[in-house]
Protein backbone atom coordinates (compact mmCIF):
# COMPACT_ATOMS: atom_id res chain seq x y z
CA MET A 1 -6.09 -32.48 -0.48
CA GLU A 2 -6.06 -31.21 -4.05
CA THR A 3 -4.76 -33.23 -6.93
CA MET A 4 -2.81 -31.90 -9.89
CA GLU A 5 -5.97 -31.88 -12.04
CA THR A 6 -7.83 -29.49 -9.73
CA MET A 7 -4.82 -27.16 -9.44
CA GLU A 8 -4.59 -26.95 -13.22
CA THR A 9 -8.23 -25.92 -13.48
CA THR A 10 -7.54 -22.84 -11.34
CA GLU A 11 -5.24 -21.42 -14.03
CA THR A 12 -6.55 -18.59 -16.19
CA THR A 13 -5.79 -17.74 -19.79
CA ASP A 14 -5.29 -13.96 -19.52
CA ASP A 15 -1.67 -14.01 -20.70
CA ALA A 16 -2.24 -11.12 -23.12
CA ILE A 17 -3.17 -8.77 -20.25
CA GLY A 18 -0.28 -9.86 -18.03
CA VAL A 19 -2.40 -11.33 -15.25
CA ILE A 20 -0.79 -13.77 -12.82
CA ASN A 21 -2.16 -17.09 -13.95
CA THR A 22 -0.76 -19.88 -11.78
CA ILE A 23 -0.81 -20.55 -8.07
CA ASP A 24 3.01 -20.57 -7.97
CA GLN A 25 3.16 -17.06 -9.46
CA ILE A 26 0.61 -15.80 -6.94
CA GLU A 27 2.72 -17.08 -4.03
CA GLN A 28 5.92 -15.52 -5.44
CA ALA A 29 4.41 -12.15 -6.42
CA GLU A 30 5.16 -9.07 -4.32
CA PRO A 31 2.23 -7.01 -3.01
CA ILE A 32 1.93 -4.22 -5.56
CA GLU A 33 -0.51 -2.08 -3.61
CA ALA A 34 1.73 -1.79 -0.54
CA THR A 35 4.79 -0.57 -2.42
CA ALA A 36 2.82 1.72 -4.71
CA ALA A 37 0.89 3.31 -1.85
CA ARG A 38 4.05 4.10 0.12
CA GLY A 39 5.62 5.67 -2.96
CA MET A 40 2.64 7.99 -3.40
CA ARG A 41 3.20 9.80 -0.07
CA LYS A 42 3.97 13.49 -0.35
CA GLU A 43 7.25 14.82 0.97
CA ARG A 44 7.71 18.52 1.66
CA VAL A 45 10.41 20.81 3.03
CA GLY A 46 9.50 23.57 5.47
CA MET A 47 10.47 25.65 8.50
CA VAL A 48 9.47 24.89 12.08
CA VAL A 49 7.44 27.80 13.48
CA SER A 50 6.31 26.25 16.78
CA ASN A 51 7.35 23.30 18.97
CA LYS A 52 5.45 24.03 22.17
CA MET A 53 3.33 20.86 22.02
CA GLU A 54 4.41 17.40 23.16
CA LYS A 55 5.60 15.27 20.20
CA THR A 56 4.18 17.83 17.74
CA ALA A 57 5.70 20.67 15.76
CA VAL A 58 4.10 23.18 13.41
CA VAL A 59 5.88 23.42 10.06
CA LYS A 60 5.27 26.24 7.58
CA ILE A 61 5.53 25.28 3.89
CA THR A 62 6.06 28.23 1.54
CA GLU A 63 5.69 27.77 -2.21
CA ARG A 64 5.91 30.16 -5.12
CA VAL A 65 2.90 29.96 -7.45
CA LYS A 66 2.27 31.73 -10.73
CA HIS A 67 -1.11 33.49 -10.89
CA ALA A 68 -3.27 31.96 -13.63
CA LYS A 69 -4.55 35.19 -15.15
CA TYR A 70 -1.94 37.83 -14.32
CA SER A 71 1.20 35.63 -14.42
CA LYS A 72 2.63 37.24 -11.28
CA ILE A 73 4.66 35.03 -8.95
CA GLN A 74 3.05 34.86 -5.51
CA LYS A 75 4.13 33.27 -2.23
CA ARG A 76 1.58 30.90 -0.77
CA SER A 77 2.12 29.27 2.63
CA ILE A 78 0.35 26.66 4.72
CA ASN A 79 1.01 25.31 8.22
CA PHE A 80 1.09 21.57 8.96
CA LYS A 81 1.12 19.89 12.35
CA VAL A 82 3.87 17.28 12.26
CA HIS A 83 4.53 14.28 14.51
CA ASP A 84 7.96 14.69 16.15
CA GLU A 85 8.47 11.56 18.25
CA ASN A 86 11.64 12.68 20.08
CA ASN A 87 10.90 16.43 20.32
CA GLU A 88 14.13 17.16 18.43
CA CYS A 89 12.90 20.15 16.35
CA ASP A 90 13.65 23.75 17.32
CA ILE A 91 12.01 26.90 15.98
CA GLY A 92 13.70 27.90 12.72
CA ASP A 93 14.92 24.42 11.68
CA ARG A 94 14.51 23.35 8.04
CA VAL A 95 12.88 19.90 8.06
CA LEU A 96 11.69 17.22 5.64
CA ILE A 97 8.19 15.89 6.39
CA MET A 98 6.23 13.00 4.88
CA GLU A 99 2.52 12.32 4.64
CA THR A 100 1.22 9.52 6.86
CA ARG A 101 -2.04 8.14 8.21
CA PRO A 102 -4.04 10.54 10.40
CA LEU A 103 -2.50 10.58 13.87
CA SER A 104 -5.02 13.05 15.29
CA ARG A 105 -7.62 15.51 14.03
CA ASP A 106 -5.04 17.89 12.55
CA LYS A 107 -1.84 15.82 12.41
CA HIS A 108 -1.23 13.80 9.20
CA PHE A 109 2.48 14.40 8.53
CA ARG A 110 5.55 13.00 10.30
CA LEU A 111 9.10 14.28 10.63
CA VAL A 112 11.54 12.43 8.37
CA LYS A 113 14.74 14.35 9.14
CA ILE A 114 16.12 17.72 10.08
CA LEU A 115 17.89 19.20 7.07
CA GLU A 116 19.34 22.30 8.74
CA LYS A 117 19.54 23.14 12.45
CA VAL A 118 19.12 26.73 13.63
CA LYS A 119 22.22 28.23 15.22
């Protein structure tokens, strides 16, 4: 069992840097890494081009990029395999996807929501 004297010796003097310096502040502090890491995930909007796999859809992301030398606007597209837990996507839907941990060799995005259903 620790006494008050030993707890006081664990305090640091880095107040100028903004470091947590008491045991009480450490217990009350929120985990910074967890909230920052989740905020860093990429979100993209794309069109579903295939949904023939179980719990997986292929989403095509098209972006317009300006050529560095010639300044012409070009369309660049890439396909992502997306985790669709309930198989609710249809070909032609506009969807919002978010980056996640690798779920398989090719699948590292998940479906957030369907923005526009195909008619």
